[in-house]
Amino acid sequence: MASDLGFVQYVCDQIGGAGPVTYRKMFGEYAIYLDGKVVVLVCDNQMFLKPTTAGRSLLGHVEEAPPYEGAKNSFLIGDQLEDRELMAAVVAATAAELPAPKPKKPGAARKG
C-alpha cells in the first residue's frame, strides 16, 4: 500500500523543527531529507527513522522493523510522532550522525 501525501506532509511538519526538510517520492513511498541526507522513510503510512546511536539515546525504547521487504531495520516511530520537540531533536541528531551523501557521478555523455 502506497503512503498518502497528506501523511508525509504531516511527518514533515512534525519534524520541521530540525531544519528545512524535503521529501521525494520513490517507488510509491517517500524519502524525507535533512541537510541532503535521507533520515526518514515513509512506507505504508508509517515513519521509519534511520537507526543511529544518537537517535536511540533520545528515543529510549524503540521498536525496530524494516520499512519494506528486504530492507535493514529502522526505528519505527509510533506515538512519539505526536511530540514535535522530541521528533525535531531526534531527526537533527540522526542527520548529524549520518555520513554526507556521496557525490553523484557525472552522467554518461549522450550520443546524438
PDB file of N, CA and C in Angstrom:
ATOM      1  N   MET A   1       0.851  -1.185   0.000  1.00  0.00           N
ATOM      2  CA  MET A   1       0.000   0.000   0.000  1.00  0.00           C
ATOM      3  C   MET A   1       0.891   1.241   0.000  1.00  0.00           C
ATOM      4  N   ALA A   2       0.673   2.121  -0.923  1.00  0.00           N
ATOM      5  CA  ALA A   2       1.453   3.350  -1.010  1.00  0.00           C
ATOM      6  C   ALA A   2       1.021   4.326   0.085  1.00  0.00           C
ATOM      7  N   SER A   3       1.955   5.145   0.491  1.00  0.00           N
ATOM      8  CA  SER A   3       1.678   6.140   1.530  1.00  0.00           C
ATOM      9  C   SER A   3       0.919   7.323   0.959  1.00  0.00           C
ATOM     10  N   ASP A   4       0.133   7.975   1.814  1.00  0.00           N
ATOM     11  CA  ASP A   4      -0.618   9.163   1.428  1.00  0.00           C
ATOM     12  C   ASP A   4       0.269  10.393   1.551  1.00  0.00           C
ATOM     13  N   LEU A   5       0.184  11.274   0.572  1.00  0.00           N
ATOM     14  CA  LEU A   5       0.953  12.512   0.605  1.00  0.00           C
ATOM     15  C   LEU A   5       0.619  13.320   1.859  1.00  0.00           C
ATOM     16  N   GLY A   6      -0.631  13.301   2.295  1.00  0.00           N
ATOM     17  CA  GLY A   6      -1.032  14.028   3.496  1.00  0.00           C
ATOM     18  C   GLY A   6      -0.268  13.564   4.732  1.00  0.00           C
ATOM     19  N   PHE A   7      -0.054  12.257   4.848  1.00  0.00           N
ATOM     20  CA  PHE A   7       0.710  11.736   5.987  1.00  0.00           C
ATOM     21  C   PHE A   7       2.164  12.166   5.889  1.00  0.00           C
ATOM     22  N   VAL A   8       2.726  12.153   4.694  1.00  0.00           N
ATOM     23  CA  VAL A   8       4.116  12.586   4.500  1.00  0.00           C
ATOM     24  C   VAL A   8       4.263  14.049   4.916  1.00  0.00           C
ATOM     25  N   GLN A   9       3.331  14.882   4.516  1.00  0.00           N
ATOM     26  CA  GLN A   9       3.383  16.300   4.874  1.00  0.00           C
ATOM     27  C   GLN A   9       3.230  16.486   6.385  1.00  0.00           C
ATOM     28  N   TYR A  10       2.405  15.666   7.018  1.00  0.00           N
ATOM     29  CA  TYR A  10       2.251  15.708   8.476  1.00  0.00           C
ATOM     30  C   TYR A  10       3.580  15.368   9.147  1.00  0.00           C
ATOM     31  N   VAL A  11       4.247  14.307   8.681  1.00  0.00           N
ATOM     32  CA  VAL A  11       5.547  13.938   9.243  1.00  0.00           C
ATOM     33  C   VAL A  11       6.532  15.098   9.084  1.00  0.00           C
ATOM     34  N   CYS A  12       6.558  15.707   7.902  1.00  0.00           N
ATOM     35  CA  CYS A  12       7.458  16.845   7.667  1.00  0.00           C
ATOM     36  C   CYS A  12       7.156  18.000   8.616  1.00  0.00           C
ATOM     37  N   ASP A  13       5.887  18.268   8.870  1.00  0.00           N
ATOM     38  CA  ASP A  13       5.510  19.315   9.820  1.00  0.00           C
ATOM     39  C   ASP A  13       5.995  18.974  11.223  1.00  0.00           C
ATOM     40  N   GLN A  14       5.841  17.720  11.621  1.00  0.00           N
ATOM     41  CA  GLN A  14       6.218  17.300  12.971  1.00  0.00           C
ATOM     42  C   GLN A  14       7.728  17.359  13.185  1.00  0.00           C
ATOM     43  N   ILE A  15       8.517  17.106  12.152  1.00  0.00           N
ATOM     44  CA  ILE A  15       9.976  17.098  12.304  1.00  0.00           C
ATOM     45  C   ILE A  15      10.619  18.392  11.818  1.00  0.00           C
ATOM     46  N   GLY A  16       9.808  19.335  11.356  1.00  0.00           N
ATOM     47  CA  GLY A  16      10.310  20.570  10.754  1.00  0.00           C
ATOM     48  C   GLY A  16      11.197  21.410  11.645  1.00  0.00           C
ATOM     49  N   GLY A  17      11.105  21.242  12.962  1.00  0.00           N
ATOM     50  CA  GLY A  17      11.964  21.991  13.872  1.00  0.00           C
ATOM     51  C   GLY A  17      13.423  21.590  13.762  1.00  0.00           C
ATOM     52  N   ALA A  18      13.708  20.489  13.095  1.00  0.00           N
ATOM     53  CA  ALA A  18      15.089  20.032  12.914  1.00  0.00           C
ATOM     54  C   ALA A  18      15.820  20.859  11.867  1.00  0.00           C
ATOM     55  N   GLY A  19      15.077  21.529  11.016  1.00  0.00           N
ATOM     56  CA  GLY A  19      15.660  22.302   9.920  1.00  0.00           C
ATOM     57  C   GLY A  19      14.814  22.106   8.675  1.00  0.00           C
ATOM     58  N   PRO A  20      15.275  22.646   7.559  1.00  0.00           N
ATOM     59  CA  PRO A  20      14.481  22.520   6.332  1.00  0.00           C
ATOM     60  C   PRO A  20      14.467  21.074   5.828  1.00  0.00           C
ATOM     61  N   VAL A  21      13.298  20.468   5.864  1.00  0.00           N
ATOM     62  CA  VAL A  21      13.148  19.095   5.386  1.00  0.00           C
ATOM     63  C   VAL A  21      12.483  19.112   4.018  1.00  0.00           C
ATOM     64  N   THR A  22      12.861  18.155   3.211  1.00  0.00           N
ATOM     65  CA  THR A  22      12.260  17.980   1.900  1.00  0.00           C
ATOM     66  C   THR A  22      11.905  16.504   1.756  1.00  0.00           C
ATOM     67  N   TYR A  23      11.050  16.217   0.813  1.00  0.00           N
ATOM     68  CA  TYR A  23      10.697  14.820   0.587  1.00  0.00           C
ATOM     69  C   TYR A  23      10.687  14.539  -0.905  1.00  0.00           C
ATOM     70  N   ARG A  24      10.800  13.244  -1.212  1.00  0.00           N
ATOM     71  CA  ARG A  24      10.817  12.807  -2.600  1.00  0.00           C
ATOM     72  C   ARG A  24      10.102  11.466  -2.689  1.00  0.00           C
ATOM     73  N   LYS A  25       9.251  11.344  -3.675  1.00  0.00           N
ATOM     74  CA  LYS A  25       8.530  10.092  -3.881  1.00  0.00           C
ATOM     75  C   LYS A  25       9.468   9.083  -4.531  1.00  0.00           C
ATOM     76  N   MET A  26       9.458   7.875  -3.968  1.00  0.00           N
ATOM     77  CA  MET A  26      10.305   6.812  -4.503  1.00  0.00           C
ATOM     78  C   MET A  26       9.526   5.506  -4.486  1.00  0.00           C
ATOM     79  N   PHE A  27       9.224   4.968  -5.643  1.00  0.00           N
ATOM     80  CA  PHE A  27       8.563   3.671  -5.763  1.00  0.00           C
ATOM     81  C   PHE A  27       7.250   3.599  -4.984  1.00  0.00           C
ATOM     82  N   GLY A  28       6.485   4.665  -4.988  1.00  0.00           N
ATOM     83  CA  GLY A  28       5.199   4.687  -4.310  1.00  0.00           C
ATOM     84  C   GLY A  28       5.283   5.062  -2.840  1.00  0.00           C
ATOM     85  N   GLU A  29       6.481   5.172  -2.324  1.00  0.00           N
ATOM     86  CA  GLU A  29       6.700   5.571  -0.934  1.00  0.00           C
ATOM     87  C   GLU A  29       7.528   6.857  -0.946  1.00  0.00           C
ATOM     88  N   TYR A  30       7.999   7.303   0.222  1.00  0.00           N
ATOM     89  CA  TYR A  30       8.676   8.595   0.288  1.00  0.00           C
ATOM     90  C   TYR A  30       9.941   8.535   1.129  1.00  0.00           C
ATOM     91  N   ALA A  31      10.929   9.322   0.702  1.00  0.00           N
ATOM     92  CA  ALA A  31      12.135   9.555   1.488  1.00  0.00           C
ATOM     93  C   ALA A  31      12.087  11.012   1.937  1.00  0.00           C
ATOM     94  N   ILE A  32      12.429  11.248   3.207  1.00  0.00           N
ATOM     95  CA  ILE A  32      12.462  12.606   3.745  1.00  0.00           C
ATOM     96  C   ILE A  32      13.917  12.933   4.058  1.00  0.00           C
ATOM     97  N   TYR A  33      14.341  14.113   3.609  1.00  0.00           N
ATOM     98  CA  TYR A  33      15.731  14.539   3.696  1.00  0.00           C
ATOM     99  C   TYR A  33      15.903  15.704   4.666  1.00  0.00           C
ATOM    100  N   LEU A  34      17.054  15.733   5.321  1.00  0.00           N
ATOM    101  CA  LEU A  34      17.508  16.892   6.102  1.00  0.00           C
ATOM    102  C   LEU A  34      18.978  17.056   5.783  1.00  0.00           C
ATOM    103  N   ASP A  35      19.382  18.233   5.397  1.00  0.00           N
ATOM    104  CA  ASP A  35      20.770  18.503   5.025  1.00  0.00           C
ATOM    105  C   ASP A  35      21.259  17.567   3.923  1.00  0.00           C
ATOM    106  N   GLY A  36      20.388  17.231   2.989  1.00  0.00           N
ATOM    107  CA  GLY A  36      20.753  16.372   1.878  1.00  0.00           C
ATOM    108  C   GLY A  36      20.881  14.900   2.222  1.00  0.00           C
ATOM    109  N   LYS A  37      20.548  14.546   3.447  1.00  0.00           N
ATOM    110  CA  LYS A  37      20.661  13.165   3.908  1.00  0.00           C
ATOM    111  C   LYS A  37      19.277  12.570   4.096  1.00  0.00           C
ATOM    112  N   VAL A  38      19.104  11.332   3.648  1.00  0.00           N
ATOM    113  CA  VAL A  38      17.837  10.636   3.901  1.00  0.00           C
ATOM    114  C   VAL A  38      17.826  10.259   5.371  1.00  0.00           C
ATOM    115  N   VAL A  39      16.878  10.803   6.131  1.00  0.00           N
ATOM    116  CA  VAL A  39      16.784  10.494   7.559  1.00  0.00           C
ATOM    117  C   VAL A  39      15.538   9.682   7.884  1.00  0.00           C
ATOM    118  N   VAL A  40      14.521   9.795   7.045  1.00  0.00           N
ATOM    119  CA  VAL A  40      13.238   9.138   7.307  1.00  0.00           C
ATOM    120  C   VAL A  40      12.725   8.514   6.016  1.00  0.00           C
ATOM    121  N   LEU A  41      12.147   7.345   6.147  1.00  0.00           N
ATOM    122  CA  LEU A  41      11.371   6.745   5.069  1.00  0.00           C
ATOM    123  C   LEU A  41       9.935   6.656   5.558  1.00  0.00           C
ATOM    124  N   VAL A  42       8.999   6.966   4.680  1.00  0.00           N
ATOM    125  CA  VAL A  42       7.582   6.791   4.991  1.00  0.00           C
ATOM    126  C   VAL A  42       7.091   5.684   4.071  1.00  0.00           C
ATOM    127  N   CYS A  43       6.709   4.575   4.681  1.00  0.00           N
ATOM    128  CA  CYS A  43       6.227   3.412   3.946  1.00  0.00           C
ATOM    129  C   CYS A  43       4.943   2.923   4.604  1.00  0.00           C
ATOM    130  N   ASP A  44       3.931   2.668   3.804  1.00  0.00           N
ATOM    131  CA  ASP A  44       2.634   2.215   4.318  1.00  0.00           C
ATOM    132  C   ASP A  44       2.105   3.139   5.416  1.00  0.00           C
ATOM    133  N   ASN A  45       2.284   4.440   5.221  1.00  0.00           N
ATOM    134  CA  ASN A  45       1.837   5.452   6.185  1.00  0.00           C
ATOM    135  C   ASN A  45       2.417   5.222   7.578  1.00  0.00           C
ATOM    136  N   GLN A  46       3.665   4.794   7.616  1.00  0.00           N
ATOM    137  CA  GLN A  46       4.399   4.662   8.867  1.00  0.00           C
ATOM    138  C   GLN A  46       5.736   5.365   8.698  1.00  0.00           C
ATOM    139  N   MET A  47       6.243   5.928   9.805  1.00  0.00           N
ATOM    140  CA  MET A  47       7.514   6.646   9.786  1.00  0.00           C
ATOM    141  C   MET A  47       8.629   5.730  10.262  1.00  0.00           C
ATOM    142  N   PHE A  48       9.669   5.607   9.428  1.00  0.00           N
ATOM    143  CA  PHE A  48      10.845   4.818   9.758  1.00  0.00           C
ATOM    144  C   PHE A  48      12.057   5.748   9.782  1.00  0.00           C
ATOM    145  N   LEU A  49      12.702   5.843  10.934  1.00  0.00           N
ATOM    146  CA  LEU A  49      13.862   6.707  11.117  1.00  0.00           C
ATOM    147  C   LEU A  49      15.131   5.888  10.971  1.00  0.00           C
ATOM    148  N   LYS A  50      16.109   6.434  10.262  1.00  0.00           N
ATOM    149  CA  LYS A  50      17.389   5.737  10.135  1.00  0.00           C
ATOM    150  C   LYS A  50      17.942   5.490  11.540  1.00  0.00           C
ATOM    151  N   PRO A  51      18.419   4.291  11.806  1.00  0.00           N
ATOM    152  CA  PRO A  51      18.921   3.995  13.151  1.00  0.00           C
ATOM    153  C   PRO A  51      20.313   4.583  13.385  1.00  0.00           C
ATOM    154  N   THR A  52      20.447   5.298  14.498  1.00  0.00           N
ATOM    155  CA  THR A  52      21.736   5.843  14.928  1.00  0.00           C
ATOM    156  C   THR A  52      21.822   5.731  16.441  1.00  0.00           C
ATOM    157  N   THR A  53      23.029   5.836  16.949  1.00  0.00           N
ATOM    158  CA  THR A  53      23.229   5.809  18.396  1.00  0.00           C
ATOM    159  C   THR A  53      22.551   7.014  19.045  1.00  0.00           C
ATOM    160  N   ALA A  54      22.689   8.175  18.427  1.00  0.00           N
ATOM    161  CA  ALA A  54      22.077   9.395  18.967  1.00  0.00           C
ATOM    162  C   ALA A  54      20.563   9.272  19.000  1.00  0.00           C
ATOM    163  N   GLY A  55      19.984   8.745  17.944  1.00  0.00           N
ATOM    164  CA  GLY A  55      18.536   8.574  17.894  1.00  0.00           C
ATOM    165  C   GLY A  55      18.053   7.618  18.966  1.00  0.00           C
ATOM    166  N   ARG A  56      18.771   6.518  19.141  1.00  0.00           N
ATOM    167  CA  ARG A  56      18.387   5.535  20.154  1.00  0.00           C
ATOM    168  C   ARG A  56      18.460   6.147  21.556  1.00  0.00           C
ATOM    169  N   SER A  57      19.484   6.952  21.820  1.00  0.00           N
ATOM    170  CA  SER A  57      19.616   7.537  23.164  1.00  0.00           C
ATOM    171  C   SER A  57      18.493   8.538  23.450  1.00  0.00           C
ATOM    172  N   LEU A  58      18.043   9.258  22.444  1.00  0.00           N
ATOM    173  CA  LEU A  58      16.956  10.219  22.644  1.00  0.00           C
ATOM    174  C   LEU A  58      15.587   9.542  22.729  1.00  0.00           C
ATOM    175  N   LEU A  59      15.407   8.480  21.978  1.00  0.00           N
ATOM    176  CA  LEU A  59      14.110   7.801  21.966  1.00  0.00           C
ATOM    177  C   LEU A  59      13.933   6.819  23.116  1.00  0.00           C
ATOM    178  N   GLY A  60      15.036   6.300  23.641  1.00  0.00           N
ATOM    179  CA  GLY A  60      14.920   5.260  24.667  1.00  0.00           C
ATOM    180  C   GLY A  60      14.489   3.974  24.009  1.00  0.00           C
ATOM    181  N   HIS A  61      13.474   3.318  24.561  1.00  0.00           N
ATOM    182  CA  HIS A  61      12.980   2.077  23.962  1.00  0.00           C
ATOM    183  C   HIS A  61      12.301   2.410  22.636  1.00  0.00           C
ATOM    184  N   VAL A  62      12.728   1.731  21.599  1.00  0.00           N
ATOM    185  CA  VAL A  62      12.145   1.981  20.283  1.00  0.00           C
ATOM    186  C   VAL A  62      11.978   0.646  19.554  1.00  0.00           C
ATOM    187  N   GLU A  63      10.863   0.516  18.875  1.00  0.00           N
ATOM    188  CA  GLU A  63      10.611  -0.675  18.069  1.00  0.00           C
ATOM    189  C   GLU A  63      11.411  -0.564  16.777  1.00  0.00           C
ATOM    190  N   GLU A  64      11.955  -1.685  16.333  1.00  0.00           N
ATOM    191  CA  GLU A  64      12.684  -1.706  15.078  1.00  0.00           C
ATOM    192  C   GLU A  64      11.980  -2.639  14.102  1.00  0.00           C
ATOM    193  N   ALA A  65      11.938  -2.223  12.841  1.00  0.00           N
ATOM    194  CA  ALA A  65      11.292  -3.012  11.794  1.00  0.00           C
ATOM    195  C   ALA A  65      11.833  -2.542  10.449  1.00  0.00           C
ATOM    196  N   PRO A  66      11.810  -3.416   9.452  1.00  0.00           N
ATOM    197  CA  PRO A  66      12.226  -2.981   8.118  1.00  0.00           C
ATOM    198  C   PRO A  66      11.110  -2.165   7.458  1.00  0.00           C
ATOM    199  N   PRO A  67      11.451  -1.073   6.789  1.00  0.00           N
ATOM    200  CA  PRO A  67      10.408  -0.270   6.133  1.00  0.00           C
ATOM    201  C   PRO A  67       9.766  -0.977   4.935  1.00  0.00           C
ATOM    202  N   TYR A  68      10.499  -1.888   4.324  1.00  0.00           N
ATOM    203  CA  TYR A  68       9.980  -2.669   3.210  1.00  0.00           C
ATOM    204  C   TYR A  68      10.716  -3.998   3.179  1.00  0.00           C
ATOM    205  N   GLU A  69      10.170  -4.939   2.484  1.00  0.00           N
ATOM    206  CA  GLU A  69      10.736  -6.283   2.452  1.00  0.00           C
ATOM    207  C   GLU A  69      12.172  -6.249   1.927  1.00  0.00           C
ATOM    208  N   GLY A  70      13.061  -6.887   2.675  1.00  0.00           N
ATOM    209  CA  GLY A  70      14.461  -6.963   2.277  1.00  0.00           C
ATOM    210  C   GLY A  70      15.320  -5.829   2.802  1.00  0.00           C
ATOM    211  N   ALA A  71      14.717  -4.847   3.446  1.00  0.00           N
ATOM    212  CA  ALA A  71      15.467  -3.699   3.978  1.00  0.00           C
ATOM    213  C   ALA A  71      16.012  -4.013   5.364  1.00  0.00           C
ATOM    214  N   LYS A  72      17.037  -3.261   5.760  1.00  0.00           N
ATOM    215  CA  LYS A  72      17.554  -3.350   7.118  1.00  0.00           C
ATOM    216  C   LYS A  72      16.551  -2.693   8.059  1.00  0.00           C
ATOM    217  N   ASN A  73      16.618  -3.075   9.323  1.00  0.00           N
ATOM    218  CA  ASN A  73      15.708  -2.478  10.308  1.00  0.00           C
ATOM    219  C   ASN A  73      15.961  -0.992  10.474  1.00  0.00           C
ATOM    220  N   SER A  74      14.893  -0.265  10.701  1.00  0.00           N
ATOM    221  CA  SER A  74      14.917   1.153  11.051  1.00  0.00           C
ATOM    222  C   SER A  74      14.113   1.314  12.330  1.00  0.00           C
ATOM    223  N   PHE A  75      14.159   2.508  12.910  1.00  0.00           N
ATOM    224  CA  PHE A  75      13.341   2.786  14.082  1.00  0.00           C
ATOM    225  C   PHE A  75      11.924   3.083  13.598  1.00  0.00           C
ATOM    226  N   LEU A  76      10.976   2.299  14.043  1.00  0.00           N
ATOM    227  CA  LEU A  76       9.578   2.519  13.697  1.00  0.00           C
ATOM    228  C   LEU A  76       8.996   3.501  14.696  1.00  0.00           C
ATOM    229  N   ILE A  77       8.632   4.663  14.216  1.00  0.00           N
ATOM    230  CA  ILE A  77       8.139   5.731  15.088  1.00  0.00           C
ATOM    231  C   ILE A  77       6.619   5.650  15.130  1.00  0.00           C
ATOM    232  N   GLY A  78       6.093   5.497  16.315  1.00  0.00           N
ATOM    233  CA  GLY A  78       4.647   5.409  16.502  1.00  0.00           C
ATOM    234  C   GLY A  78       4.122   6.665  17.173  1.00  0.00           C
ATOM    235  N   ASP A  79       3.687   6.516  18.416  1.00  0.00           N
ATOM    236  CA  ASP A  79       3.104   7.639  19.161  1.00  0.00           C
ATOM    237  C   ASP A  79       4.094   8.779  19.395  1.00  0.00           C
ATOM    238  N   GLN A  80       5.395   8.493  19.335  1.00  0.00           N
ATOM    239  CA  GLN A  80       6.388   9.559  19.545  1.00  0.00           C
ATOM    240  C   GLN A  80       6.252  10.658  18.496  1.00  0.00           C
ATOM    241  N   LEU A  81       5.658  10.344  17.351  1.00  0.00           N
ATOM    242  CA  LEU A  81       5.496  11.319  16.282  1.00  0.00           C
ATOM    243  C   LEU A  81       4.673  12.524  16.737  1.00  0.00           C
ATOM    244  N   GLU A  82       3.832  12.329  17.736  1.00  0.00           N
ATOM    245  CA  GLU A  82       3.000  13.427  18.238  1.00  0.00           C
ATOM    246  C   GLU A  82       3.822  14.493  18.974  1.00  0.00           C
ATOM    247  N   ASP A  83       5.009  14.149  19.447  1.00  0.00           N
ATOM    248  CA  ASP A  83       5.866  15.058  20.217  1.00  0.00           C
ATOM    249  C   ASP A  83       6.814  15.783  19.264  1.00  0.00           C
ATOM    250  N   ARG A  84       6.427  16.980  18.828  1.00  0.00           N
ATOM    251  CA  ARG A  84       7.207  17.738  17.842  1.00  0.00           C
ATOM    252  C   ARG A  84       8.627  18.033  18.314  1.00  0.00           C
ATOM    253  N   GLU A  85       8.775  18.431  19.575  1.00  0.00           N
ATOM    254  CA  GLU A  85      10.106  18.772  20.084  1.00  0.00           C
ATOM    255  C   GLU A  85      11.017  17.554  20.080  1.00  0.00           C
ATOM    256  N   LEU A  86      10.504  16.424  20.521  1.00  0.00           N
ATOM    257  CA  LEU A  86      11.290  15.195  20.516  1.00  0.00           C
ATOM    258  C   LEU A  86      11.659  14.810  19.091  1.00  0.00           C
ATOM    259  N   MET A  87      10.697  14.862  18.189  1.00  0.00           N
ATOM    260  CA  MET A  87      10.960  14.466  16.806  1.00  0.00           C
ATOM    261  C   MET A  87      11.995  15.370  16.155  1.00  0.00           C
ATOM    262  N   ALA A  88      11.908  16.675  16.394  1.00  0.00           N
ATOM    263  CA  ALA A  88      12.896  17.597  15.833  1.00  0.00           C
ATOM    264  C   ALA A  88      14.290  17.279  16.366  1.00  0.00           C
ATOM    265  N   ALA A  89      14.391  17.022  17.665  1.00  0.00           N
ATOM    266  CA  ALA A  89      15.689  16.710  18.269  1.00  0.00           C
ATOM    267  C   ALA A  89      16.248  15.396  17.736  1.00  0.00           C
ATOM    268  N   VAL A  90      15.397  14.387  17.626  1.00  0.00           N
ATOM    269  CA  VAL A  90      15.845  13.068  17.163  1.00  0.00           C
ATOM    270  C   VAL A  90      16.278  13.129  15.699  1.00  0.00           C
ATOM    271  N   VAL A  91      15.511  13.804  14.867  1.00  0.00           N
ATOM    272  CA  VAL A  91      15.851  13.894  13.446  1.00  0.00           C
ATOM    273  C   VAL A  91      17.131  14.706  13.253  1.00  0.00           C
ATOM    274  N   ALA A  92      17.292  15.800  13.991  1.00  0.00           N
ATOM    275  CA  ALA A  92      18.519  16.596  13.883  1.00  0.00           C
ATOM    276  C   ALA A  92      19.732  15.779  14.332  1.00  0.00           C
ATOM    277  N   ALA A  93      19.598  15.056  15.439  1.00  0.00           N
ATOM    278  CA  ALA A  93      20.703  14.228  15.936  1.00  0.00           C
ATOM    279  C   ALA A  93      21.021  13.104  14.960  1.00  0.00           C
ATOM    280  N   THR A  94      19.998  12.530  14.366  1.00  0.00           N
ATOM    281  CA  THR A  94      20.200  11.457  13.386  1.00  0.00           C
ATOM    282  C   THR A  94      20.945  11.985  12.169  1.00  0.00           C
ATOM    283  N   ALA A  95      20.506  13.111  11.640  1.00  0.00           N
ATOM    284  CA  ALA A  95      21.160  13.688  10.459  1.00  0.00           C
ATOM    285  C   ALA A  95      22.621  14.029  10.758  1.00  0.00           C
ATOM    286  N   ALA A  96      22.879  14.542  11.962  1.00  0.00           N
ATOM    287  CA  ALA A  96      24.250  14.897  12.328  1.00  0.00           C
ATOM    288  C   ALA A  96      25.152  13.665  12.370  1.00  0.00           C
ATOM    289  N   GLU A  97      24.594  12.526  12.728  1.00  0.00           N
ATOM    290  CA  GLU A  97      25.389  11.302  12.852  1.00  0.00           C
ATOM    291  C   GLU A  97      25.564  10.568  11.518  1.00  0.00           C
ATOM    292  N   LEU A  98      24.670  10.795  10.580  1.00  0.00           N
ATOM    293  CA  LEU A  98      24.758  10.097   9.294  1.00  0.00           C
ATOM    294  C   LEU A  98      25.863  10.704   8.429  1.00  0.00           C
ATOM    295  N   PRO A  99      26.513   9.873   7.606  1.00  0.00           N
ATOM    296  CA  PRO A  99      27.551  10.403   6.714  1.00  0.00           C
ATOM    297  C   PRO A  99      26.936  11.273   5.625  1.00  0.00           C
ATOM    298  N   ALA A 100      27.752  12.162   5.096  1.00  0.00           N
ATOM    299  CA  ALA A 100      27.300  13.008   3.985  1.00  0.00           C
ATOM    300  C   ALA A 100      27.034  12.120   2.780  1.00  0.00           C
ATOM    301  N   PRO A 101      26.063  12.492   1.958  1.00  0.00           N
ATOM    302  CA  PRO A 101      25.800  11.680   0.762  1.00  0.00           C
ATOM    303  C   PRO A 101      27.005  11.703  -0.170  1.00  0.00           C
ATOM    304  N   LYS A 102      27.196  10.592  -0.855  1.00  0.00           N
ATOM    305  CA  LYS A 102      28.295  10.506  -1.812  1.00  0.00           C
ATOM    306  C   LYS A 102      28.001  11.419  -2.988  1.00  0.00           C
ATOM    307  N   PRO A 103      29.035  12.094  -3.502  1.00  0.00           N
ATOM    308  CA  PRO A 103      28.796  12.951  -4.664  1.00  0.00           C
ATOM    309  C   PRO A 103      28.341  12.121  -5.863  1.00  0.00           C
ATOM    310  N   LYS A 104      27.436  12.683  -6.621  1.00  0.00           N
ATOM    311  CA  LYS A 104      26.922  11.970  -7.788  1.00  0.00           C
ATOM    312  C   LYS A 104      27.959  12.022  -8.912  1.00  0.00           C
ATOM    313  N   LYS A 105      28.085  10.918  -9.610  1.00  0.00           N
ATOM    314  CA  LYS A 105      28.994  10.853 -10.737  1.00  0.00           C
ATOM    315  C   LYS A 105      28.339  11.567 -11.924  1.00  0.00           C
ATOM    316  N   PRO A 106      29.161  12.236 -12.722  1.00  0.00           N
ATOM    317  CA  PRO A 106      28.559  12.892 -13.898  1.00  0.00           C
ATOM    318  C   PRO A 106      27.972  11.839 -14.821  1.00  0.00           C
ATOM    319  N   GLY A 107      26.846  12.188 -15.421  1.00  0.00           N
ATOM    320  CA  GLY A 107      26.163  11.252 -16.320  1.00  0.00           C
ATOM    321  C   GLY A 107      26.985  10.986 -17.571  1.00  0.00           C
ATOM    322  N   ALA A 108      26.754   9.842 -18.160  1.00  0.00           N
ATOM    323  CA  ALA A 108      27.452   9.499 -19.404  1.00  0.00           C
ATOM    324  C   ALA A 108      26.996  10.445 -20.506  1.00  0.00           C
ATOM    325  N   ALA A 109      27.924  10.815 -21.356  1.00  0.00           N
ATOM    326  CA  ALA A 109      27.601  11.727 -22.465  1.00  0.00           C
ATOM    327  C   ALA A 109      26.636  11.018 -23.410  1.00  0.00           C
ATOM    328  N   ARG A 110      25.649  11.748 -23.853  1.00  0.00           N
ATOM    329  CA  ARG A 110      24.679  11.204 -24.811  1.00  0.00           C
ATOM    330  C   ARG A 110      25.225  11.287 -26.215  1.00  0.00           C
ATOM    331  N   LYS A 111      24.942  10.250 -26.942  1.00  0.00           N
ATOM    332  CA  LYS A 111      25.323  10.266 -28.364  1.00  0.00           C
ATOM    333  C   LYS A 111      24.099  10.661 -29.161  1.00  0.00           C
ATOM    334  N   GLY A 112      24.280  11.577 -30.054  1.00  0.00           N
ATOM    335  CA  GLY A 112      23.126  12.069 -30.775  1.00  0.00           C
ATOM    336  C   GLY A 112      23.159  11.692 -32.146  1.00  0.00           C
TER     337      GLY A 112
END
